[in-house]
Amino acid sequence: MYRIISGKWKGKKIAAPKNFEVRPTTDFAKEALFSIIEHRFDLKYTSVLDLFAGIGSISLEFASRDTRDISCVDLNPRHCSFINSTAKELGFDKQVNLSRGDVFDWIKKERNHGKRYNIVFADPPFDMEKAKYEELIECILQKNILAENGIFILEHQSRQKFEHPALQDTRKYGNVSFSFFIKKD
């Protein structure tokens, strides 16, 4: 169960089926994250890419805050179906564009068709190997996915630490941390 923190559907609780193996971002962490994001971007005019979208907690939070251009990618067909049906139920189906597939393949094949995003958010499985996290960071920063002045936000376990020239900041919220990367051209 998660809730939408702010916007059109503020306070709306969304329950995923019990057999889903997901870890939605906690309300506390999500509230802090969006405070940082909204300080930097006017979400109405921001394009967002949500990788490892899970059950759509982040995508739907952006949609509730009037972000009109949200793309999300997830491999699990049940998660994708849930995101699509929930987005439609909440009236966000025109804002949220979902692609089902492996995130790494999607990025490498540039399935975004040259589109660049102001915000790329990724919440991979916490048990993913550090080498795969590092590959993800490099893929995002090398594939010309980020728009000028865009930001890549990686959600990860707080015990996981990254060193990268593009890393600007890491914020810790209990067991969850967000690392912020800025592409330097």
Protein backbone atom coordinates (compact mmCIF):
# COMPACT_ATOMS: atom_id res chain seq x y z
CA MET A 1 0.00 0.00 0.00
CA TYR A 2 1.20 3.48 -0.78
CA ARG A 3 -0.38 6.87 -0.98
CA ILE A 4 -0.08 9.84 -3.25
CA ILE A 5 1.48 12.61 -1.17
CA SER A 6 0.38 15.75 -3.02
CA GLY A 7 -1.49 17.17 -5.96
CA LYS A 8 -4.82 16.30 -7.51
CA TRP A 9 -5.06 12.94 -5.71
CA LYS A 10 -3.38 13.98 -2.43
CA GLY A 11 -3.99 11.35 0.23
CA LYS A 12 -5.22 8.69 -2.24
CA LYS A 13 -4.22 5.23 -1.00
CA ILE A 14 -3.30 2.67 -3.61
CA ALA A 15 -3.04 -1.01 -2.77
CA ALA A 16 -1.11 -3.35 -5.01
CA PRO A 17 -2.11 -7.00 -5.13
CA LYS A 18 -0.53 -8.95 -2.27
CA ASN A 19 1.44 -11.25 -4.57
CA PHE A 20 3.47 -8.37 -6.05
CA GLU A 21 7.09 -8.33 -4.94
CA VAL A 22 7.55 -4.57 -4.76
CA ARG A 23 9.02 -2.06 -2.38
CA PRO A 24 7.30 1.28 -2.96
CA THR A 25 9.24 4.34 -1.85
CA THR A 26 8.16 5.26 1.68
CA ASP A 27 5.94 8.30 2.16
CA PHE A 28 8.66 9.98 4.24
CA ALA A 29 11.33 9.48 1.56
CA LYS A 30 8.96 10.37 -1.28
CA GLU A 31 7.89 13.60 0.42
CA ALA A 32 11.52 14.64 0.91
CA LEU A 33 12.40 13.68 -2.67
CA PHE A 34 9.58 15.72 -4.18
CA SER A 35 10.45 18.69 -2.02
CA ILE A 36 13.92 18.64 -3.59
CA ILE A 37 12.55 18.12 -7.11
CA GLU A 38 9.90 20.84 -6.88
CA HIS A 39 12.50 23.31 -5.66
CA ARG A 40 14.40 22.78 -8.92
CA PHE A 41 11.71 22.10 -11.55
CA ASP A 42 8.27 23.35 -12.55
CA LEU A 43 6.72 19.89 -12.80
CA LYS A 44 4.01 20.97 -15.21
CA TYR A 45 6.68 21.54 -17.87
CA THR A 46 9.01 18.69 -16.92
CA SER A 47 9.55 15.43 -18.79
CA VAL A 48 10.14 12.41 -16.57
CA LEU A 49 11.47 8.91 -17.19
CA ASP A 50 10.73 6.42 -14.38
CA LEU A 51 12.86 3.27 -14.66
CA PHE A 52 12.04 0.08 -12.74
CA ALA A 53 8.62 1.65 -12.26
CA GLY A 54 7.29 -1.16 -10.06
CA ILE A 55 3.67 -0.34 -9.26
CA GLY A 56 3.94 3.27 -10.35
CA SER A 57 4.33 5.08 -7.04
CA ILE A 58 6.73 7.67 -8.45
CA SER A 59 5.05 8.02 -11.86
CA LEU A 60 1.63 8.55 -10.31
CA GLU A 61 3.05 11.05 -7.82
CA PHE A 62 4.41 13.08 -10.72
CA ALA A 63 1.07 12.79 -12.54
CA SER A 64 -0.85 13.94 -9.47
CA ARG A 65 1.41 17.00 -9.36
CA ASP A 66 0.37 17.86 -12.94
CA THR A 67 3.45 16.55 -14.76
CA ARG A 68 2.17 15.98 -18.29
CA ASP A 69 5.02 13.98 -19.82
CA ILE A 70 5.85 10.80 -17.90
CA SER A 71 7.41 7.71 -19.43
CA CYS A 72 7.97 4.61 -17.36
CA VAL A 73 9.63 1.27 -17.97
CA ASP A 74 9.19 -2.00 -16.11
CA LEU A 75 9.73 -5.62 -17.09
CA ASN A 76 7.01 -7.28 -15.04
CA PRO A 77 3.77 -7.59 -17.09
CA ARG A 78 1.58 -7.64 -13.96
CA HIS A 79 3.19 -4.41 -12.72
CA CYS A 80 2.67 -2.81 -16.13
CA SER A 81 -0.98 -3.84 -16.18
CA PHE A 82 -1.43 -2.44 -12.67
CA ILE A 83 0.20 0.89 -13.59
CA ASN A 84 -1.94 1.21 -16.72
CA SER A 85 -5.19 0.40 -14.95
CA THR A 86 -4.42 2.67 -11.98
CA ALA A 87 -3.38 5.54 -14.27
CA LYS A 88 -6.62 5.14 -16.22
CA GLU A 89 -8.72 4.96 -13.04
CA LEU A 90 -7.15 8.20 -11.77
CA GLY A 91 -7.41 9.97 -15.14
CA PHE A 92 -3.65 9.97 -15.75
CA ASP A 93 -3.63 7.67 -18.79
CA LYS A 94 -2.80 10.58 -21.15
CA GLN A 95 0.17 11.63 -18.98
CA VAL A 96 1.71 8.24 -18.22
CA ASN A 97 3.25 6.31 -21.12
CA LEU A 98 4.38 2.83 -20.16
CA SER A 99 6.86 0.56 -21.92
CA ARG A 100 7.23 -3.04 -20.85
CA GLY A 101 10.79 -4.28 -21.09
CA ASP A 102 14.17 -4.72 -19.54
CA VAL A 103 15.46 -1.30 -18.46
CA PHE A 104 19.02 -1.93 -19.62
CA ASP A 105 17.87 -3.11 -23.06
CA TRP A 106 15.45 -0.19 -23.33
CA ILE A 107 18.20 2.34 -22.59
CA LYS A 108 20.82 0.67 -24.79
CA LYS A 109 18.44 0.51 -27.75
CA GLU A 110 17.47 4.14 -27.11
CA ARG A 111 13.82 3.25 -27.25
CA ASN A 112 13.11 6.82 -26.27
CA HIS A 113 13.67 7.68 -29.96
CA GLY A 114 16.01 10.54 -29.18
CA LYS A 115 13.77 12.05 -26.52
CA ARG A 116 15.57 13.72 -23.63
CA TYR A 117 14.18 13.94 -20.12
CA ASN A 118 14.54 16.61 -17.43
CA ILE A 119 14.35 13.95 -14.72
CA VAL A 120 15.33 10.31 -14.94
CA PHE A 121 14.40 8.38 -11.82
CA ALA A 122 15.47 4.77 -11.23
CA ASP A 123 14.51 2.47 -8.37
CA PRO A 124 16.16 -0.85 -9.24
CA PRO A 125 15.86 -3.90 -6.97
CA PHE A 126 17.89 -3.31 -3.82
CA ASP A 127 19.63 -6.68 -4.27
CA MET A 128 21.03 -5.69 -7.66
CA GLU A 129 24.81 -6.07 -7.80
CA LYS A 130 26.89 -2.92 -7.43
CA ALA A 131 28.37 -3.47 -10.91
CA LYS A 132 24.84 -3.32 -12.39
CA TYR A 133 24.15 -0.09 -10.50
CA GLU A 134 27.34 1.37 -11.95
CA GLU A 135 26.37 0.15 -15.42
CA LEU A 136 22.98 1.84 -15.02
CA ILE A 137 24.61 5.14 -14.01
CA GLU A 138 26.93 5.02 -17.02
CA CYS A 139 24.11 4.09 -19.42
CA ILE A 140 21.96 7.01 -18.29
CA LEU A 141 24.81 9.50 -18.45
CA GLN A 142 26.24 8.22 -21.76
CA LYS A 143 23.08 7.63 -23.83
CA ASN A 144 21.99 11.25 -24.20
CA ILE A 145 18.76 10.62 -22.30
CA LEU A 146 19.09 13.59 -19.95
CA ALA A 147 18.09 17.03 -21.19
CA GLU A 148 20.34 20.01 -20.59
CA ASN A 149 20.30 20.75 -16.84
CA GLY A 150 18.57 17.41 -16.28
CA ILE A 151 19.10 15.21 -13.27
CA PHE A 152 19.35 11.45 -12.77
CA ILE A 153 18.04 10.29 -9.39
CA LEU A 154 18.96 6.80 -8.23
CA GLU A 155 17.13 5.24 -5.29
CA HIS A 156 19.19 2.64 -3.42
CA GLN A 157 19.90 1.14 -0.03
CA SER A 158 21.67 3.59 2.24
CA ARG A 159 24.56 1.17 2.79
CA GLN A 160 25.31 1.33 -0.96
CA LYS A 161 27.78 4.13 -1.72
CA PHE A 162 28.74 5.53 -5.12
CA GLU A 163 31.67 7.53 -6.36
CA HIS A 164 31.25 9.15 -9.74
CA PRO A 165 32.29 12.51 -11.18
CA ALA A 166 28.65 13.29 -12.00
CA LEU A 167 27.44 12.56 -8.46
CA GLN A 168 26.26 15.83 -6.91
CA ASP A 169 24.62 14.73 -3.69
CA THR A 170 23.20 11.77 -1.77
CA ARG A 171 20.34 12.15 0.67
CA LYS A 172 19.60 9.46 3.23
CA TYR A 173 16.13 8.69 4.60
CA GLY A 174 16.48 5.67 6.86
CA ASN A 175 17.34 2.60 4.79
CA VAL A 176 16.67 4.49 1.54
CA SER A 177 18.98 6.97 -0.14
CA PHE A 178 18.66 9.05 -3.27
CA SER A 179 21.81 9.84 -5.24
CA PHE A 180 21.63 12.79 -7.63
CA PHE A 181 23.73 12.79 -10.80
CA ILE A 182 24.14 15.70 -13.20
CA LYS A 183 25.42 15.02 -16.69
CA LYS A 184 28.40 17.17 -17.54
CA ASP A 185 28.73 17.77 -21.26
